[in-house]
N, C-alpha and C. Protein backbone atom coordinates (compact mmCIF):
# COMPACT_ATOMS: atom_id res chain seq x y z
N MET A 1 0.85 -1.17 0.00
CA MET A 1 0.00 0.00 0.00
C MET A 1 0.89 1.23 0.00
N SER A 2 0.64 2.16 -0.85
CA SER A 2 1.43 3.39 -0.88
C SER A 2 1.01 4.28 0.27
N ASP A 3 1.82 5.32 0.51
CA ASP A 3 1.55 6.22 1.63
C ASP A 3 0.26 7.00 1.44
N THR A 4 -0.21 7.14 0.21
CA THR A 4 -1.38 7.97 -0.03
C THR A 4 -2.58 7.19 -0.53
N GLN A 5 -2.46 5.89 -0.70
CA GLN A 5 -3.55 5.08 -1.23
C GLN A 5 -4.73 5.08 -0.27
N SER A 6 -5.93 5.43 -0.77
CA SER A 6 -7.09 5.47 0.11
C SER A 6 -8.23 4.61 -0.40
N ASP A 7 -8.12 4.07 -1.62
CA ASP A 7 -9.20 3.29 -2.20
C ASP A 7 -9.62 2.14 -1.28
N ALA A 8 -8.67 1.39 -0.78
CA ALA A 8 -8.99 0.22 0.03
C ALA A 8 -8.59 0.44 1.49
N MET A 9 -8.42 1.69 1.88
CA MET A 9 -8.00 1.99 3.25
C MET A 9 -9.09 1.59 4.22
N ASP A 10 -8.73 0.82 5.22
CA ASP A 10 -9.66 0.38 6.25
C ASP A 10 -9.62 1.38 7.40
N PHE A 11 -10.70 2.12 7.56
CA PHE A 11 -10.76 3.10 8.64
C PHE A 11 -11.36 2.51 9.92
N GLY A 12 -11.62 1.20 9.92
CA GLY A 12 -12.20 0.54 11.08
C GLY A 12 -11.42 0.77 12.37
N PRO A 13 -10.08 0.70 12.33
CA PRO A 13 -9.34 0.94 13.57
C PRO A 13 -9.60 2.32 14.19
N LEU A 14 -9.99 3.27 13.37
CA LEU A 14 -10.26 4.62 13.90
C LEU A 14 -11.53 4.68 14.71
N ASP A 15 -12.47 3.75 14.47
CA ASP A 15 -13.76 3.79 15.17
C ASP A 15 -13.57 3.85 16.69
N GLY A 16 -12.84 2.90 17.23
CA GLY A 16 -12.63 2.85 18.67
C GLY A 16 -11.77 3.98 19.18
N ILE A 17 -10.77 4.35 18.38
CA ILE A 17 -9.86 5.43 18.78
C ILE A 17 -10.64 6.74 18.92
N ILE A 18 -11.40 7.08 17.89
CA ILE A 18 -12.17 8.33 17.91
C ILE A 18 -13.23 8.27 19.02
N ALA A 19 -13.90 7.13 19.16
CA ALA A 19 -14.95 6.99 20.18
C ALA A 19 -14.38 7.19 21.58
N GLN A 20 -13.17 6.73 21.80
CA GLN A 20 -12.53 6.85 23.11
C GLN A 20 -12.38 8.31 23.54
N TYR A 21 -12.20 9.20 22.56
CA TYR A 21 -11.95 10.60 22.87
C TYR A 21 -13.11 11.51 22.46
N ALA A 22 -14.27 10.95 22.22
CA ALA A 22 -15.43 11.72 21.77
C ALA A 22 -15.71 12.88 22.73
N GLY A 23 -15.76 14.06 22.15
CA GLY A 23 -16.10 15.25 22.93
C GLY A 23 -14.95 15.83 23.75
N GLU A 24 -13.81 15.18 23.80
CA GLU A 24 -12.68 15.71 24.57
C GLU A 24 -11.92 16.74 23.76
N LYS A 25 -11.67 17.87 24.36
CA LYS A 25 -10.83 18.88 23.71
C LYS A 25 -9.37 18.51 23.93
N GLY A 26 -8.54 18.82 22.98
CA GLY A 26 -7.11 18.57 23.13
C GLY A 26 -6.72 17.11 22.98
N ALA A 27 -7.55 16.31 22.33
CA ALA A 27 -7.26 14.88 22.21
C ALA A 27 -6.56 14.52 20.90
N LEU A 28 -6.21 15.50 20.11
CA LEU A 28 -5.63 15.20 18.80
C LEU A 28 -4.34 14.39 18.91
N ILE A 29 -3.45 14.74 19.82
CA ILE A 29 -2.18 14.01 19.92
C ILE A 29 -2.40 12.56 20.30
N PRO A 30 -3.19 12.24 21.33
CA PRO A 30 -3.39 10.81 21.61
C PRO A 30 -4.13 10.08 20.49
N ILE A 31 -5.00 10.77 19.78
CA ILE A 31 -5.67 10.13 18.63
C ILE A 31 -4.63 9.79 17.57
N LEU A 32 -3.75 10.73 17.27
CA LEU A 32 -2.70 10.47 16.28
C LEU A 32 -1.75 9.37 16.75
N GLN A 33 -1.42 9.36 18.04
CA GLN A 33 -0.54 8.32 18.56
C GLN A 33 -1.15 6.94 18.38
N GLN A 34 -2.43 6.82 18.72
CA GLN A 34 -3.08 5.51 18.60
C GLN A 34 -3.30 5.13 17.14
N ALA A 35 -3.59 6.11 16.31
CA ALA A 35 -3.75 5.81 14.88
C ALA A 35 -2.42 5.33 14.29
N GLN A 36 -1.33 5.96 14.69
CA GLN A 36 -0.02 5.52 14.21
C GLN A 36 0.29 4.11 14.70
N GLU A 37 -0.09 3.82 15.92
CA GLU A 37 0.10 2.47 16.46
C GLU A 37 -0.69 1.45 15.62
N ALA A 38 -1.90 1.83 15.23
CA ALA A 38 -2.77 0.92 14.48
C ALA A 38 -2.29 0.73 13.04
N TYR A 39 -1.78 1.79 12.41
CA TYR A 39 -1.41 1.72 10.99
C TYR A 39 0.10 1.62 10.75
N GLY A 40 0.89 1.85 11.78
CA GLY A 40 2.34 1.80 11.62
C GLY A 40 2.95 3.13 11.23
N PHE A 41 2.15 4.02 10.73
CA PHE A 41 2.52 5.39 10.37
C PHE A 41 1.22 6.14 10.16
N LEU A 42 1.28 7.40 9.76
CA LEU A 42 0.07 8.19 9.55
C LEU A 42 -0.12 8.50 8.07
N PRO A 43 -0.79 7.59 7.35
CA PRO A 43 -1.05 7.86 5.93
C PRO A 43 -1.96 9.08 5.80
N ARG A 44 -1.82 9.79 4.70
CA ARG A 44 -2.65 10.99 4.46
C ARG A 44 -4.14 10.71 4.56
N PRO A 45 -4.64 9.60 4.00
CA PRO A 45 -6.08 9.35 4.12
C PRO A 45 -6.53 9.17 5.58
N VAL A 46 -5.67 8.61 6.41
CA VAL A 46 -6.01 8.46 7.82
C VAL A 46 -6.07 9.82 8.50
N MET A 47 -5.11 10.68 8.20
CA MET A 47 -5.15 12.03 8.78
C MET A 47 -6.39 12.79 8.31
N ALA A 48 -6.74 12.63 7.05
CA ALA A 48 -7.95 13.29 6.53
C ALA A 48 -9.20 12.76 7.22
N GLU A 49 -9.24 11.46 7.47
CA GLU A 49 -10.39 10.87 8.16
C GLU A 49 -10.45 11.33 9.62
N ILE A 50 -9.32 11.44 10.27
CA ILE A 50 -9.28 11.97 11.64
C ILE A 50 -9.80 13.40 11.65
N ALA A 51 -9.35 14.19 10.69
CA ALA A 51 -9.82 15.58 10.61
C ALA A 51 -11.33 15.62 10.42
N ARG A 52 -11.83 14.80 9.53
CA ARG A 52 -13.27 14.79 9.26
C ARG A 52 -14.06 14.37 10.49
N ARG A 53 -13.64 13.29 11.11
CA ARG A 53 -14.41 12.75 12.25
C ARG A 53 -14.32 13.61 13.51
N THR A 54 -13.21 14.32 13.68
CA THR A 54 -13.06 15.16 14.87
C THR A 54 -13.43 16.61 14.60
N ARG A 55 -13.81 16.88 13.36
CA ARG A 55 -14.14 18.25 12.94
C ARG A 55 -12.99 19.22 13.24
N THR A 56 -11.80 18.74 12.93
CA THR A 56 -10.57 19.52 13.09
C THR A 56 -10.06 19.84 11.69
N PRO A 57 -9.65 21.08 11.44
CA PRO A 57 -9.11 21.39 10.11
C PRO A 57 -7.94 20.46 9.76
N LEU A 58 -7.94 19.96 8.53
CA LEU A 58 -6.88 19.07 8.08
C LEU A 58 -5.50 19.71 8.27
N GLN A 59 -5.42 21.00 8.06
CA GLN A 59 -4.13 21.69 8.23
C GLN A 59 -3.64 21.56 9.67
N GLN A 60 -4.54 21.58 10.63
CA GLN A 60 -4.15 21.44 12.03
C GLN A 60 -3.67 20.01 12.31
N VAL A 61 -4.38 19.02 11.80
CA VAL A 61 -3.98 17.63 11.99
C VAL A 61 -2.60 17.42 11.37
N PHE A 62 -2.41 17.88 10.15
CA PHE A 62 -1.13 17.75 9.46
C PHE A 62 -0.04 18.52 10.20
N GLY A 63 -0.38 19.71 10.69
CA GLY A 63 0.58 20.53 11.43
C GLY A 63 1.09 19.83 12.68
N VAL A 64 0.20 19.21 13.43
CA VAL A 64 0.60 18.47 14.63
C VAL A 64 1.45 17.26 14.24
N ALA A 65 1.03 16.54 13.23
CA ALA A 65 1.74 15.33 12.81
C ALA A 65 3.14 15.65 12.29
N THR A 66 3.34 16.81 11.70
CA THR A 66 4.66 17.16 11.18
C THR A 66 5.51 17.90 12.21
N PHE A 67 4.89 18.46 13.24
CA PHE A 67 5.64 19.19 14.26
C PHE A 67 6.39 18.24 15.19
N TYR A 68 5.74 17.17 15.59
CA TYR A 68 6.33 16.26 16.57
C TYR A 68 7.09 15.13 15.88
N ALA A 69 8.33 14.91 16.32
CA ALA A 69 9.19 13.90 15.71
C ALA A 69 8.69 12.48 15.95
N GLN A 70 7.78 12.29 16.88
CA GLN A 70 7.27 10.94 17.16
C GLN A 70 6.35 10.41 16.08
N PHE A 71 5.88 11.30 15.19
CA PHE A 71 4.94 10.88 14.16
C PHE A 71 5.66 10.66 12.83
N TYR A 72 5.22 9.62 12.13
CA TYR A 72 5.83 9.26 10.85
C TYR A 72 4.78 9.29 9.76
N LEU A 73 5.10 9.96 8.66
CA LEU A 73 4.16 10.11 7.56
C LEU A 73 4.40 9.10 6.45
N HIS A 74 5.42 8.29 6.61
CA HIS A 74 5.75 7.28 5.60
C HIS A 74 5.91 5.93 6.29
N ARG A 75 5.62 4.90 5.53
CA ARG A 75 5.73 3.53 6.05
C ARG A 75 7.16 3.27 6.50
N ARG A 76 7.28 2.60 7.63
CA ARG A 76 8.58 2.28 8.19
C ARG A 76 8.80 0.78 8.12
N GLY A 77 10.05 0.39 8.29
CA GLY A 77 10.40 -1.02 8.25
C GLY A 77 9.95 -1.78 9.49
N ARG A 78 9.91 -3.09 9.38
CA ARG A 78 9.57 -3.93 10.55
C ARG A 78 10.60 -3.77 11.65
N HIS A 79 11.84 -3.53 11.27
CA HIS A 79 12.93 -3.35 12.23
C HIS A 79 13.44 -1.91 12.12
N VAL A 80 13.45 -1.21 13.24
CA VAL A 80 13.91 0.18 13.26
C VAL A 80 15.26 0.23 13.97
N ILE A 81 16.24 0.76 13.26
CA ILE A 81 17.60 0.90 13.78
C ILE A 81 17.87 2.38 13.94
N LYS A 82 18.19 2.79 15.16
CA LYS A 82 18.51 4.19 15.45
C LYS A 82 19.96 4.25 15.91
N GLN A 83 20.79 4.89 15.11
CA GLN A 83 22.22 5.04 15.42
C GLN A 83 22.44 6.46 15.95
N CYS A 84 23.01 6.56 17.13
CA CYS A 84 23.32 7.87 17.69
C CYS A 84 24.56 8.44 17.02
N ASP A 85 24.52 9.73 16.71
CA ASP A 85 25.69 10.44 16.20
C ASP A 85 25.86 11.75 16.98
N GLY A 86 25.42 11.72 18.25
CA GLY A 86 25.66 12.85 19.13
C GLY A 86 27.15 12.97 19.41
N THR A 87 27.52 13.98 20.17
CA THR A 87 28.93 14.29 20.37
C THR A 87 29.73 13.09 20.87
N ALA A 88 29.31 12.45 21.96
CA ALA A 88 30.07 11.33 22.52
C ALA A 88 30.18 10.19 21.52
N CYS A 89 29.07 9.86 20.88
CA CYS A 89 29.08 8.77 19.90
C CYS A 89 29.92 9.13 18.68
N HIS A 90 29.80 10.38 18.26
CA HIS A 90 30.53 10.82 17.07
C HIS A 90 32.04 10.70 17.28
N VAL A 91 32.53 11.19 18.43
CA VAL A 91 33.98 11.15 18.66
C VAL A 91 34.48 9.72 18.90
N ARG A 92 33.57 8.81 19.20
CA ARG A 92 33.97 7.42 19.41
C ARG A 92 33.67 6.52 18.21
N GLY A 93 33.40 7.12 17.06
CA GLY A 93 33.34 6.33 15.85
C GLY A 93 31.98 6.05 15.24
N ALA A 94 30.94 6.80 15.62
CA ALA A 94 29.61 6.56 15.05
C ALA A 94 29.62 6.73 13.53
N GLY A 95 30.41 7.66 13.02
CA GLY A 95 30.48 7.88 11.58
C GLY A 95 30.90 6.63 10.82
N LYS A 96 31.83 5.89 11.37
CA LYS A 96 32.29 4.64 10.74
C LYS A 96 31.18 3.60 10.74
N ILE A 97 30.40 3.58 11.82
CA ILE A 97 29.27 2.63 11.89
C ILE A 97 28.24 2.99 10.83
N ILE A 98 27.93 4.27 10.73
CA ILE A 98 26.96 4.75 9.73
C ILE A 98 27.44 4.38 8.32
N ASP A 99 28.71 4.61 8.05
CA ASP A 99 29.27 4.27 6.74
C ASP A 99 29.21 2.77 6.48
N SER A 100 29.49 1.95 7.49
CA SER A 100 29.47 0.50 7.34
C SER A 100 28.07 -0.02 7.03
N VAL A 101 27.08 0.50 7.74
CA VAL A 101 25.70 0.09 7.49
C VAL A 101 25.29 0.49 6.07
N GLY A 102 25.64 1.71 5.67
CA GLY A 102 25.32 2.16 4.32
C GLY A 102 25.96 1.29 3.26
N ALA A 103 27.23 0.94 3.44
CA ALA A 103 27.94 0.13 2.45
C ALA A 103 27.40 -1.30 2.42
N GLU A 104 27.13 -1.87 3.56
CA GLU A 104 26.69 -3.26 3.64
C GLU A 104 25.28 -3.48 3.12
N PHE A 105 24.39 -2.55 3.43
CA PHE A 105 22.97 -2.75 3.10
C PHE A 105 22.44 -1.76 2.07
N ASP A 106 23.31 -0.92 1.53
CA ASP A 106 22.89 0.12 0.58
C ASP A 106 21.68 0.88 1.14
N MET A 107 21.79 1.21 2.42
CA MET A 107 20.71 1.90 3.13
C MET A 107 21.36 3.00 3.94
N HIS A 108 20.89 4.20 3.74
CA HIS A 108 21.51 5.35 4.37
C HIS A 108 20.55 5.97 5.38
N PRO A 109 21.08 6.80 6.27
CA PRO A 109 20.22 7.40 7.30
C PRO A 109 18.97 8.04 6.72
N GLY A 110 17.85 7.74 7.37
CA GLY A 110 16.56 8.28 6.93
C GLY A 110 15.85 7.42 5.91
N GLU A 111 16.44 6.30 5.55
CA GLU A 111 15.85 5.44 4.52
C GLU A 111 15.22 4.19 5.11
N THR A 112 14.27 3.67 4.35
CA THR A 112 13.65 2.38 4.65
C THR A 112 13.96 1.48 3.47
N SER A 113 14.32 0.24 3.76
CA SER A 113 14.65 -0.69 2.68
C SER A 113 13.44 -0.92 1.78
N ASP A 114 13.71 -1.25 0.53
CA ASP A 114 12.64 -1.45 -0.46
C ASP A 114 11.65 -2.52 -0.03
N ASP A 115 12.12 -3.51 0.73
CA ASP A 115 11.23 -4.59 1.18
C ASP A 115 10.57 -4.29 2.53
N TYR A 116 10.77 -3.08 3.03
CA TYR A 116 10.21 -2.62 4.32
C TYR A 116 10.66 -3.50 5.48
N LYS A 117 11.83 -4.08 5.36
CA LYS A 117 12.36 -4.87 6.46
C LYS A 117 13.05 -3.97 7.49
N TYR A 118 13.76 -2.92 7.02
CA TYR A 118 14.52 -2.06 7.91
C TYR A 118 14.22 -0.58 7.66
N THR A 119 14.26 0.18 8.74
CA THR A 119 14.32 1.64 8.67
C THR A 119 15.57 2.02 9.44
N TYR A 120 16.42 2.83 8.83
CA TYR A 120 17.68 3.24 9.45
C TYR A 120 17.66 4.73 9.71
N GLU A 121 17.82 5.11 10.96
CA GLU A 121 17.76 6.52 11.34
C GLU A 121 19.03 6.89 12.10
N VAL A 122 19.47 8.12 11.91
CA VAL A 122 20.54 8.67 12.74
C VAL A 122 19.87 9.69 13.65
N VAL A 123 20.12 9.56 14.93
CA VAL A 123 19.58 10.47 15.93
C VAL A 123 20.75 11.14 16.64
N TYR A 124 20.46 12.18 17.38
CA TYR A 124 21.57 12.94 17.96
C TYR A 124 21.64 12.89 19.47
N CYS A 125 20.91 12.01 20.09
CA CYS A 125 21.13 11.67 21.49
C CYS A 125 20.17 10.57 21.88
N LEU A 126 20.70 9.51 22.41
CA LEU A 126 19.89 8.42 22.94
C LEU A 126 19.98 8.38 24.46
N GLY A 127 20.72 9.32 25.03
CA GLY A 127 20.82 9.40 26.48
C GLY A 127 21.68 8.33 27.11
N SER A 128 22.56 7.74 26.32
CA SER A 128 23.43 6.68 26.84
C SER A 128 24.88 6.97 26.48
N CYS A 129 25.30 8.19 26.74
CA CYS A 129 26.64 8.62 26.33
C CYS A 129 27.75 7.75 26.91
N GLY A 130 27.54 7.21 28.09
CA GLY A 130 28.54 6.35 28.72
C GLY A 130 28.77 5.05 27.97
N LEU A 131 27.84 4.71 27.06
CA LEU A 131 27.96 3.49 26.26
C LEU A 131 28.40 3.78 24.83
N ALA A 132 28.80 5.00 24.55
CA ALA A 132 29.10 5.43 23.18
C ALA A 132 30.17 4.56 22.53
N PRO A 133 30.03 4.33 21.22
CA PRO A 133 28.88 4.66 20.38
C PRO A 133 27.73 3.68 20.62
N VAL A 134 26.52 4.21 20.57
CA VAL A 134 25.34 3.44 20.92
C VAL A 134 24.31 3.48 19.80
N ALA A 135 23.55 2.41 19.71
CA ALA A 135 22.43 2.33 18.77
C ALA A 135 21.27 1.64 19.50
N VAL A 136 20.08 1.84 18.97
CA VAL A 136 18.91 1.14 19.47
C VAL A 136 18.32 0.38 18.30
N VAL A 137 18.18 -0.92 18.47
CA VAL A 137 17.62 -1.78 17.44
C VAL A 137 16.35 -2.40 18.01
N ASN A 138 15.22 -2.03 17.42
CA ASN A 138 13.93 -2.53 17.91
C ASN A 138 13.79 -2.33 19.42
N ASP A 139 14.10 -1.15 19.89
CA ASP A 139 13.98 -0.77 21.31
C ASP A 139 15.00 -1.45 22.21
N ARG A 140 16.00 -2.12 21.65
CA ARG A 140 17.07 -2.74 22.43
C ARG A 140 18.34 -1.91 22.30
N VAL A 141 18.85 -1.41 23.42
CA VAL A 141 20.05 -0.57 23.43
C VAL A 141 21.28 -1.44 23.25
N MET A 142 22.15 -1.00 22.35
CA MET A 142 23.43 -1.69 22.11
C MET A 142 24.53 -0.66 22.27
N GLY A 143 25.46 -0.90 23.19
CA GLY A 143 26.51 0.07 23.45
C GLY A 143 27.89 -0.42 23.11
N ARG A 144 28.81 0.54 23.10
CA ARG A 144 30.23 0.30 22.80
C ARG A 144 30.39 -0.47 21.49
N LEU A 145 29.70 0.01 20.49
CA LEU A 145 29.64 -0.68 19.20
C LEU A 145 30.87 -0.44 18.34
N ALA A 146 31.19 -1.44 17.59
CA ALA A 146 32.14 -1.33 16.49
C ALA A 146 31.30 -1.48 15.22
N PRO A 147 31.78 -0.99 14.09
CA PRO A 147 30.97 -1.10 12.86
C PRO A 147 30.48 -2.51 12.58
N LYS A 148 31.32 -3.51 12.79
CA LYS A 148 30.92 -4.89 12.50
C LYS A 148 29.79 -5.35 13.42
N ASP A 149 29.71 -4.80 14.63
CA ASP A 149 28.68 -5.22 15.58
C ASP A 149 27.28 -4.89 15.08
N LEU A 150 27.08 -3.66 14.64
CA LEU A 150 25.75 -3.27 14.17
C LEU A 150 25.42 -3.97 12.85
N VAL A 151 26.38 -4.11 11.98
CA VAL A 151 26.16 -4.83 10.72
C VAL A 151 25.70 -6.26 11.00
N GLN A 152 26.38 -6.93 11.90
CA GLN A 152 26.03 -8.32 12.23
C GLN A 152 24.65 -8.39 12.88
N THR A 153 24.32 -7.46 13.74
CA THR A 153 23.01 -7.44 14.38
C THR A 153 21.92 -7.28 13.33
N ILE A 154 22.13 -6.38 12.39
CA ILE A 154 21.14 -6.18 11.33
C ILE A 154 20.98 -7.43 10.48
N ARG A 155 22.11 -8.06 10.15
CA ARG A 155 22.07 -9.31 9.38
C ARG A 155 21.24 -10.38 10.08
N ASN A 156 21.29 -10.41 11.40
CA ASN A 156 20.61 -11.44 12.17
C ASN A 156 19.12 -11.17 12.38
N LEU A 157 18.64 -10.00 12.00
CA LEU A 157 17.22 -9.71 12.16
C LEU A 157 16.43 -10.53 11.17
N GLU A 158 15.27 -10.98 11.56
CA GLU A 158 14.44 -11.81 10.68
C GLU A 158 13.85 -11.02 9.55
C-alpha cells in the first residue's frame, strides 16, 4: 500500500480510537498516537479521516503530525535501527558505523529498505553517552559498538 492510497484503506481501527476521545478537547495528539500504532505510520487518508471525524481542520492535523518527531508520515520497516551520532558517539566512531551500514545494506540514514524490512535513522542523542557509540535496534540498546557489531546485528534480524 502506498503512503497515499485510500481506495482500500480500512478506517475501522479509527472507530474505537475516535470513540474513546469523543467530545474531549485537546485529544488530537493521543488520537494520532493511537492511529499511528494501528497503521504503523500516519497515511494521508487516515489524517484526513481523523480531521473529518473530529471536525478539526486538516491543516491542524497535518501541522501536529509534522511538528512532533514521534509521528511518521511514511511507512517504516519492521525493524527500526537508530544510530546515535551525538557528540560522545561521534567522537567514538559513530560515523564509521553509519558508513558500514550504508555500504553493507545500501541503506543510508533516513531510509527504509525497499522490502520494508529495515528503517535506518541517525539520531543525535539516545541518552546513553557512557555506552558510546550506541544504537537502538527494535527498542534494544546496544553500546560500545564497532561497525561490525551493528552490521552483524542487522544481518541477524528476521
